[in-house]
Amino acid sequence: MMNNLFSIFDPITSSFLSLNWMSSFIFLMFIPQIFWLSPYKYIQIWKLINNFILNEIKIPLIFKNSTNIMIFNSMFIFIMLNNFISLFPYIFNSSSHLSFSLSFSLTLWVSFMLFGWMNYSLHMFIHLTPQGTPYILMPFMVLIESISNFIRPLTLAIRLSANIIAGHLLITLMSQTANSLNMLFIIILIMLQAILLTLELAVSFIQAYVFSILSTLYSSETNYEIK
């Protein structure tokens, strides 16, 4: 039994190096190669997911060029596959670390803010006071909107990491109890773990989807070009 339940999230290996971060690129072997046949079922599933997220990303984006779409699509695929791969035994879960999720959310947020304030400063100031706000409440609304804007990258990162951590801890806790159970309860426990693992697969997809869609929404708020 593990002395520390959170040791499953430790990136340090036995050589005292953070080599576990290399697992973030294991997903590359799961990406279909171009020489595979299109009717193959794995390719069909991949295309279905890819087309779905592409259509969803295009909706909030103002500039629907290939560069903008591919940035968010690639980020979704990277996060989703890292979430999926981490469900396998003995594979380090990189997406549960804030250093992983913040590297995406903070970089995107800073980029959006710089772009918005440098190109649309007046609109960015107007955005701090929602339409219809009474004059007496405007100073408070500016403060509230500023705080909510500044905490966006943190909430985006914490949402992803917290949901992934919670699922992995539940699976680990259920595995720890198997040593003290008889055969009947072990069978029931395995069935419950299978159900929980299925739910975690859904959570892995949903969290990557939410992260990408919210990022596109934040980008659209800093771009005021007329469609």
C-alpha atoms as a PDB file:
ATOM      1  CA  MET A   1       0.000   0.000   0.000  1.00  0.00           C
ATOM      2  CA  MET A   2       1.256   3.494  -0.816  1.00  0.00           C
ATOM      3  CA  ASN A   3       2.394   5.696   2.060  1.00  0.00           C
ATOM      4  CA  ASN A   4       1.104   8.781   0.269  1.00  0.00           C
ATOM      5  CA  LEU A   5      -2.033   8.735  -1.851  1.00  0.00           C
ATOM      6  CA  PHE A   6      -0.785  11.646  -3.947  1.00  0.00           C
ATOM      7  CA  SER A   7       2.421   9.859  -4.912  1.00  0.00           C
ATOM      8  CA  ILE A   8       0.675   8.801  -8.143  1.00  0.00           C
ATOM      9  CA  PHE A   9       0.974  12.446  -9.226  1.00  0.00           C
ATOM     10  CA  ASP A  10       4.689  12.720  -8.447  1.00  0.00           C
ATOM     11  CA  PRO A  11       6.717  13.515 -11.596  1.00  0.00           C
ATOM     12  CA  ILE A  12      10.033  12.564  -9.959  1.00  0.00           C
ATOM     13  CA  THR A  13      11.391   9.137 -10.941  1.00  0.00           C
ATOM     14  CA  SER A  14      13.834   6.909  -9.065  1.00  0.00           C
ATOM     15  CA  SER A  15      16.728   8.765 -10.698  1.00  0.00           C
ATOM     16  CA  PHE A  16      15.544  12.030  -9.064  1.00  0.00           C
ATOM     17  CA  LEU A  17      14.729  13.483 -12.472  1.00  0.00           C
ATOM     18  CA  SER A  18      11.313  14.622 -13.696  1.00  0.00           C
ATOM     19  CA  LEU A  19      11.307  12.042 -16.461  1.00  0.00           C
ATOM     20  CA  ASN A  20       7.634  11.267 -15.928  1.00  0.00           C
ATOM     21  CA  TRP A  21       6.799  14.384 -17.918  1.00  0.00           C
ATOM     22  CA  MET A  22       7.942  12.477 -20.988  1.00  0.00           C
ATOM     23  CA  SER A  23       4.674  10.543 -20.771  1.00  0.00           C
ATOM     24  CA  SER A  24       2.925  13.665 -22.089  1.00  0.00           C
ATOM     25  CA  PHE A  25       4.110  12.680 -25.560  1.00  0.00           C
ATOM     26  CA  ILE A  26       3.107   9.000 -25.445  1.00  0.00           C
ATOM     27  CA  PHE A  27      -0.122   9.979 -27.198  1.00  0.00           C
ATOM     28  CA  LEU A  28       1.821  10.579 -30.418  1.00  0.00           C
ATOM     29  CA  MET A  29       1.797   6.857 -31.124  1.00  0.00           C
ATOM     30  CA  PHE A  30      -2.015   6.891 -31.004  1.00  0.00           C
ATOM     31  CA  ILE A  31      -2.409   9.502 -33.728  1.00  0.00           C
ATOM     32  CA  PRO A  32      -3.413   7.802 -36.996  1.00  0.00           C
ATOM     33  CA  GLN A  33      -0.791   7.857 -39.716  1.00  0.00           C
ATOM     34  CA  ILE A  34      -1.686   9.078 -43.196  1.00  0.00           C
ATOM     35  CA  PHE A  35      -0.876   5.747 -44.831  1.00  0.00           C
ATOM     36  CA  TRP A  36      -3.595   3.924 -42.881  1.00  0.00           C
ATOM     37  CA  LEU A  37      -6.793   3.157 -44.767  1.00  0.00           C
ATOM     38  CA  SER A  38      -9.688   5.544 -44.219  1.00  0.00           C
ATOM     39  CA  PRO A  39     -12.422   2.886 -43.605  1.00  0.00           C
ATOM     40  CA  TYR A  40     -10.503   1.621 -40.583  1.00  0.00           C
ATOM     41  CA  LYS A  41     -12.764   2.058 -37.537  1.00  0.00           C
ATOM     42  CA  TYR A  42     -10.117   3.825 -35.489  1.00  0.00           C
ATOM     43  CA  ILE A  43      -9.738   6.416 -38.249  1.00  0.00           C
ATOM     44  CA  GLN A  44     -13.500   6.887 -38.421  1.00  0.00           C
ATOM     45  CA  ILE A  45     -13.718   7.553 -34.679  1.00  0.00           C
ATOM     46  CA  TRP A  46     -10.795   9.948 -34.909  1.00  0.00           C
ATOM     47  CA  LYS A  47     -12.418  11.859 -37.793  1.00  0.00           C
ATOM     48  CA  LEU A  48     -15.741  11.990 -35.958  1.00  0.00           C
ATOM     49  CA  ILE A  49     -14.173  13.562 -32.867  1.00  0.00           C
ATOM     50  CA  ASN A  50     -12.024  15.905 -34.929  1.00  0.00           C
ATOM     51  CA  ASN A  51     -14.938  17.138 -37.069  1.00  0.00           C
ATOM     52  CA  PHE A  52     -17.084  17.638 -33.971  1.00  0.00           C
ATOM     53  CA  ILE A  53     -14.545  19.822 -32.194  1.00  0.00           C
ATOM     54  CA  LEU A  54     -13.756  21.745 -35.382  1.00  0.00           C
ATOM     55  CA  ASN A  55     -17.423  22.674 -35.809  1.00  0.00           C
ATOM     56  CA  GLU A  56     -17.701  23.675 -32.149  1.00  0.00           C
ATOM     57  CA  ILE A  57     -14.570  25.832 -32.247  1.00  0.00           C
ATOM     58  CA  LYS A  58     -15.702  27.712 -35.363  1.00  0.00           C
ATOM     59  CA  ILE A  59     -18.855  29.042 -33.666  1.00  0.00           C
ATOM     60  CA  PRO A  60     -17.331  31.528 -31.152  1.00  0.00           C
ATOM     61  CA  LEU A  61     -14.319  32.479 -33.274  1.00  0.00           C
ATOM     62  CA  ILE A  62     -14.557  35.775 -35.117  1.00  0.00           C
ATOM     63  CA  PHE A  63     -11.614  35.126 -37.426  1.00  0.00           C
ATOM     64  CA  LYS A  64     -12.365  31.647 -38.765  1.00  0.00           C
ATOM     65  CA  ASN A  65      -9.054  31.143 -40.536  1.00  0.00           C
ATOM     66  CA  SER A  66      -7.170  27.860 -40.467  1.00  0.00           C
ATOM     67  CA  THR A  67      -4.486  29.129 -38.071  1.00  0.00           C
ATOM     68  CA  ASN A  68      -6.915  30.130 -35.314  1.00  0.00           C
ATOM     69  CA  ILE A  69      -8.911  26.931 -35.667  1.00  0.00           C
ATOM     70  CA  MET A  70      -5.877  24.639 -35.644  1.00  0.00           C
ATOM     71  CA  ILE A  71      -4.442  26.243 -32.489  1.00  0.00           C
ATOM     72  CA  PHE A  72      -7.514  25.396 -30.423  1.00  0.00           C
ATOM     73  CA  ASN A  73      -8.095  22.078 -32.167  1.00  0.00           C
ATOM     74  CA  SER A  74      -4.520  20.957 -31.490  1.00  0.00           C
ATOM     75  CA  MET A  75      -4.820  22.032 -27.862  1.00  0.00           C
ATOM     76  CA  PHE A  76      -8.019  20.025 -27.470  1.00  0.00           C
ATOM     77  CA  ILE A  77      -6.446  16.898 -28.971  1.00  0.00           C
ATOM     78  CA  PHE A  78      -3.309  17.258 -26.842  1.00  0.00           C
ATOM     79  CA  ILE A  79      -5.245  17.639 -23.575  1.00  0.00           C
ATOM     80  CA  MET A  80      -7.801  14.941 -24.417  1.00  0.00           C
ATOM     81  CA  LEU A  81      -5.204  12.318 -25.337  1.00  0.00           C
ATOM     82  CA  ASN A  82      -3.126  13.122 -22.255  1.00  0.00           C
ATOM     83  CA  ASN A  83      -6.232  12.612 -20.136  1.00  0.00           C
ATOM     84  CA  PHE A  84      -6.981   9.308 -21.875  1.00  0.00           C
ATOM     85  CA  ILE A  85      -3.436   7.959 -21.648  1.00  0.00           C
ATOM     86  CA  SER A  86      -3.180   8.802 -17.948  1.00  0.00           C
ATOM     87  CA  LEU A  87      -5.998   6.342 -17.212  1.00  0.00           C
ATOM     88  CA  PHE A  88      -3.692   3.453 -18.088  1.00  0.00           C
ATOM     89  CA  PRO A  89      -1.795   1.883 -15.173  1.00  0.00           C
ATOM     90  CA  TYR A  90       1.687   3.185 -14.312  1.00  0.00           C
ATOM     91  CA  ILE A  91       1.445   6.157 -16.673  1.00  0.00           C
ATOM     92  CA  PHE A  92       2.080   9.573 -15.163  1.00  0.00           C
ATOM     93  CA  ASN A  93      -0.856  11.982 -15.262  1.00  0.00           C
ATOM     94  CA  SER A  94       0.541  15.288 -16.502  1.00  0.00           C
ATOM     95  CA  SER A  95      -2.817  17.030 -16.928  1.00  0.00           C
ATOM     96  CA  SER A  96      -3.447  16.828 -13.171  1.00  0.00           C
ATOM     97  CA  HIS A  97      -0.647  19.338 -12.531  1.00  0.00           C
ATOM     98  CA  LEU A  98      -1.246  23.069 -12.544  1.00  0.00           C
ATOM     99  CA  SER A  99       2.092  23.528 -14.277  1.00  0.00           C
ATOM    100  CA  PHE A 100       0.568  21.679 -17.242  1.00  0.00           C
ATOM    101  CA  SER A 101      -2.816  23.411 -17.371  1.00  0.00           C
ATOM    102  CA  LEU A 102      -1.476  26.859 -16.450  1.00  0.00           C
ATOM    103  CA  SER A 103       1.054  26.665 -19.267  1.00  0.00           C
ATOM    104  CA  PHE A 104      -1.917  26.637 -21.654  1.00  0.00           C
ATOM    105  CA  SER A 105      -4.402  28.914 -19.900  1.00  0.00           C
ATOM    106  CA  LEU A 106      -1.931  31.596 -18.792  1.00  0.00           C
ATOM    107  CA  THR A 107      -0.187  31.759 -22.163  1.00  0.00           C
ATOM    108  CA  LEU A 108      -3.481  32.078 -24.037  1.00  0.00           C
ATOM    109  CA  TRP A 109      -4.913  34.616 -21.584  1.00  0.00           C
ATOM    110  CA  VAL A 110      -1.831  36.865 -21.743  1.00  0.00           C
ATOM    111  CA  SER A 111      -1.882  36.656 -25.539  1.00  0.00           C
ATOM    112  CA  PHE A 112      -5.575  37.576 -25.684  1.00  0.00           C
ATOM    113  CA  MET A 113      -5.124  40.488 -23.269  1.00  0.00           C
ATOM    114  CA  LEU A 114      -2.127  41.903 -25.113  1.00  0.00           C
ATOM    115  CA  PHE A 115      -3.928  41.622 -28.438  1.00  0.00           C
ATOM    116  CA  GLY A 116      -7.126  43.194 -27.110  1.00  0.00           C
ATOM    117  CA  TRP A 117      -5.576  46.103 -25.221  1.00  0.00           C
ATOM    118  CA  MET A 118      -3.102  46.927 -27.990  1.00  0.00           C
ATOM    119  CA  ASN A 119      -5.666  46.881 -30.812  1.00  0.00           C
ATOM    120  CA  TYR A 120      -9.055  47.568 -29.204  1.00  0.00           C
ATOM    121  CA  SER A 121      -8.302  49.542 -26.030  1.00  0.00           C
ATOM    122  CA  LEU A 122     -11.572  51.488 -26.082  1.00  0.00           C
ATOM    123  CA  HIS A 123     -13.673  48.356 -26.525  1.00  0.00           C
ATOM    124  CA  MET A 124     -11.759  46.617 -23.731  1.00  0.00           C
ATOM    125  CA  PHE A 125     -12.604  49.505 -21.376  1.00  0.00           C
ATOM    126  CA  ILE A 126     -16.243  49.406 -22.466  1.00  0.00           C
ATOM    127  CA  HIS A 127     -16.324  45.659 -21.807  1.00  0.00           C
ATOM    128  CA  LEU A 128     -15.585  46.343 -18.110  1.00  0.00           C
ATOM    129  CA  THR A 129     -19.019  47.963 -17.697  1.00  0.00           C
ATOM    130  CA  PRO A 130     -21.889  45.763 -18.939  1.00  0.00           C
ATOM    131  CA  GLN A 131     -24.618  47.482 -20.918  1.00  0.00           C
ATOM    132  CA  GLY A 132     -27.382  48.950 -18.769  1.00  0.00           C
ATOM    133  CA  THR A 133     -25.275  49.273 -15.619  1.00  0.00           C
ATOM    134  CA  PRO A 134     -26.406  52.241 -13.427  1.00  0.00           C
ATOM    135  CA  TYR A 135     -23.828  55.013 -13.113  1.00  0.00           C
ATOM    136  CA  ILE A 136     -23.557  54.576  -9.359  1.00  0.00           C
ATOM    137  CA  LEU A 137     -22.599  50.907  -9.779  1.00  0.00           C
ATOM    138  CA  MET A 138     -20.054  51.403 -12.559  1.00  0.00           C
ATOM    139  CA  PRO A 139     -16.959  51.611 -10.272  1.00  0.00           C
ATOM    140  CA  PHE A 140     -17.979  48.377  -8.557  1.00  0.00           C
ATOM    141  CA  MET A 141     -18.687  46.662 -11.869  1.00  0.00           C
ATOM    142  CA  VAL A 142     -15.277  47.674 -13.209  1.00  0.00           C
ATOM    143  CA  LEU A 143     -13.671  46.154 -10.118  1.00  0.00           C
ATOM    144  CA  ILE A 144     -15.735  42.958 -10.345  1.00  0.00           C
ATOM    145  CA  GLU A 145     -15.156  42.541 -14.084  1.00  0.00           C
ATOM    146  CA  SER A 146     -11.426  43.164 -13.658  1.00  0.00           C
ATOM    147  CA  ILE A 147     -11.142  40.544 -10.908  1.00  0.00           C
ATOM    148  CA  SER A 148     -13.162  37.997 -12.905  1.00  0.00           C
ATOM    149  CA  ASN A 149     -10.949  38.673 -15.904  1.00  0.00           C
ATOM    150  CA  PHE A 150      -7.708  38.240 -13.971  1.00  0.00           C
ATOM    151  CA  ILE A 151      -8.739  34.932 -12.388  1.00  0.00           C
ATOM    152  CA  ARG A 152      -9.806  33.366 -15.691  1.00  0.00           C
ATOM    153  CA  PRO A 153      -6.526  31.525 -16.397  1.00  0.00           C
ATOM    154  CA  LEU A 154      -6.437  30.222 -12.824  1.00  0.00           C
ATOM    155  CA  THR A 155     -10.022  28.949 -12.841  1.00  0.00           C
ATOM    156  CA  LEU A 156      -9.499  27.402 -16.273  1.00  0.00           C
ATOM    157  CA  ALA A 157      -6.415  25.540 -15.061  1.00  0.00           C
ATOM    158  CA  ILE A 158      -7.882  24.496 -11.701  1.00  0.00           C
ATOM    159  CA  ARG A 159     -11.056  23.163 -13.346  1.00  0.00           C
ATOM    160  CA  LEU A 160      -9.049  20.816 -15.546  1.00  0.00           C
ATOM    161  CA  SER A 161      -6.586  19.665 -12.874  1.00  0.00           C
ATOM    162  CA  ALA A 162      -9.145  19.259 -10.077  1.00  0.00           C
ATOM    163  CA  ASN A 163     -11.491  17.095 -12.139  1.00  0.00           C
ATOM    164  CA  ILE A 164      -8.674  14.836 -13.316  1.00  0.00           C
ATOM    165  CA  ILE A 165      -7.231  14.525  -9.789  1.00  0.00           C
ATOM    166  CA  ALA A 166     -10.633  13.685  -8.286  1.00  0.00           C
ATOM    167  CA  GLY A 167     -11.244  10.807 -10.682  1.00  0.00           C
ATOM    168  CA  HIS A 168      -7.788   9.305 -10.235  1.00  0.00           C
ATOM    169  CA  LEU A 169      -8.045   9.524  -6.448  1.00  0.00           C
ATOM    170  CA  LEU A 170     -11.387   7.702  -6.480  1.00  0.00           C
ATOM    171  CA  ILE A 171      -9.969   4.898  -8.614  1.00  0.00           C
ATOM    172  CA  THR A 172      -6.892   4.643  -6.378  1.00  0.00           C
ATOM    173  CA  LEU A 173      -8.946   4.602  -3.166  1.00  0.00           C
ATOM    174  CA  MET A 174     -11.144   1.817  -4.508  1.00  0.00           C
ATOM    175  CA  SER A 175      -8.049  -0.184  -5.462  1.00  0.00           C
ATOM    176  CA  GLN A 176      -6.592   0.242  -1.971  1.00  0.00           C
ATOM    177  CA  THR A 177      -9.621  -1.390  -0.335  1.00  0.00           C
ATOM    178  CA  ALA A 178      -9.306  -4.600  -2.384  1.00  0.00           C
ATOM    179  CA  ASN A 179      -6.700  -6.055  -0.005  1.00  0.00           C
ATOM    180  CA  SER A 180      -9.168  -6.337   2.867  1.00  0.00           C
ATOM    181  CA  LEU A 181     -12.158  -7.721   0.935  1.00  0.00           C
ATOM    182  CA  ASN A 182     -13.278 -11.243   0.137  1.00  0.00           C
ATOM    183  CA  MET A 183     -13.719 -12.559  -3.384  1.00  0.00           C
ATOM    184  CA  LEU A 184     -17.378 -11.548  -3.742  1.00  0.00           C
ATOM    185  CA  PHE A 185     -16.747  -7.944  -2.794  1.00  0.00           C
ATOM    186  CA  ILE A 186     -13.652  -7.843  -4.998  1.00  0.00           C
ATOM    187  CA  ILE A 187     -15.792  -8.805  -8.010  1.00  0.00           C
ATOM    188  CA  ILE A 188     -18.284  -6.067  -7.115  1.00  0.00           C
ATOM    189  CA  LEU A 189     -15.390  -3.639  -6.678  1.00  0.00           C
ATOM    190  CA  ILE A 190     -14.015  -4.478 -10.118  1.00  0.00           C
ATOM    191  CA  MET A 191     -17.435  -3.838 -11.665  1.00  0.00           C
ATOM    192  CA  LEU A 192     -17.664  -0.485  -9.890  1.00  0.00           C
ATOM    193  CA  GLN A 193     -14.176   0.413 -11.049  1.00  0.00           C
ATOM    194  CA  ALA A 194     -15.111  -0.437 -14.631  1.00  0.00           C
ATOM    195  CA  ILE A 195     -18.101   1.914 -14.398  1.00  0.00           C
ATOM    196  CA  LEU A 196     -15.955   4.616 -12.817  1.00  0.00           C
ATOM    197  CA  LEU A 197     -13.310   4.196 -15.501  1.00  0.00           C
ATOM    198  CA  THR A 198     -15.975   4.662 -18.179  1.00  0.00           C
ATOM    199  CA  LEU A 199     -17.088   7.855 -16.472  1.00  0.00           C
ATOM    200  CA  GLU A 200     -13.480   9.021 -16.319  1.00  0.00           C
ATOM    201  CA  LEU A 201     -13.170   8.514 -20.066  1.00  0.00           C
ATOM    202  CA  ALA A 202     -16.146  10.823 -20.499  1.00  0.00           C
ATOM    203  CA  VAL A 203     -14.667  13.335 -18.044  1.00  0.00           C
ATOM    204  CA  SER A 204     -11.381  13.293 -19.958  1.00  0.00           C
ATOM    205  CA  PHE A 205     -13.187  14.283 -23.143  1.00  0.00           C
ATOM    206  CA  ILE A 206     -15.497  16.804 -21.475  1.00  0.00           C
ATOM    207  CA  GLN A 207     -12.707  18.619 -19.623  1.00  0.00           C
ATOM    208  CA  ALA A 208     -10.620  18.959 -22.778  1.00  0.00           C
ATOM    209  CA  TYR A 209     -13.727  20.192 -24.606  1.00  0.00           C
ATOM    210  CA  VAL A 210     -14.598  22.736 -21.894  1.00  0.00           C
ATOM    211  CA  PHE A 211     -11.002  23.986 -21.738  1.00  0.00           C
ATOM    212  CA  SER A 212     -10.857  24.534 -25.504  1.00  0.00           C
ATOM    213  CA  ILE A 213     -14.315  26.082 -25.878  1.00  0.00           C
ATOM    214  CA  LEU A 214     -13.782  28.516 -22.997  1.00  0.00           C
ATOM    215  CA  SER A 215     -10.453  29.502 -24.526  1.00  0.00           C
ATOM    216  CA  THR A 216     -12.164  30.312 -27.824  1.00  0.00           C
ATOM    217  CA  LEU A 217     -14.830  32.323 -25.985  1.00  0.00           C
ATOM    218  CA  TYR A 218     -12.146  34.323 -24.183  1.00  0.00           C
ATOM    219  CA  SER A 219     -10.420  34.991 -27.491  1.00  0.00           C
ATOM    220  CA  SER A 220     -13.648  36.251 -29.082  1.00  0.00           C
ATOM    221  CA  GLU A 221     -14.107  38.768 -26.247  1.00  0.00           C
ATOM    222  CA  THR A 222     -10.851  40.508 -27.164  1.00  0.00           C
ATOM    223  CA  ASN A 223     -11.642  40.785 -30.866  1.00  0.00           C
ATOM    224  CA  TYR A 224     -14.197  43.333 -31.993  1.00  0.00           C
ATOM    225  CA  GLU A 225     -13.905  43.109 -35.743  1.00  0.00           C
ATOM    226  CA  ILE A 226     -17.265  43.219 -37.481  1.00  0.00           C
ATOM    227  CA  LYS A 227     -18.120  39.895 -39.089  1.00  0.00           C
END
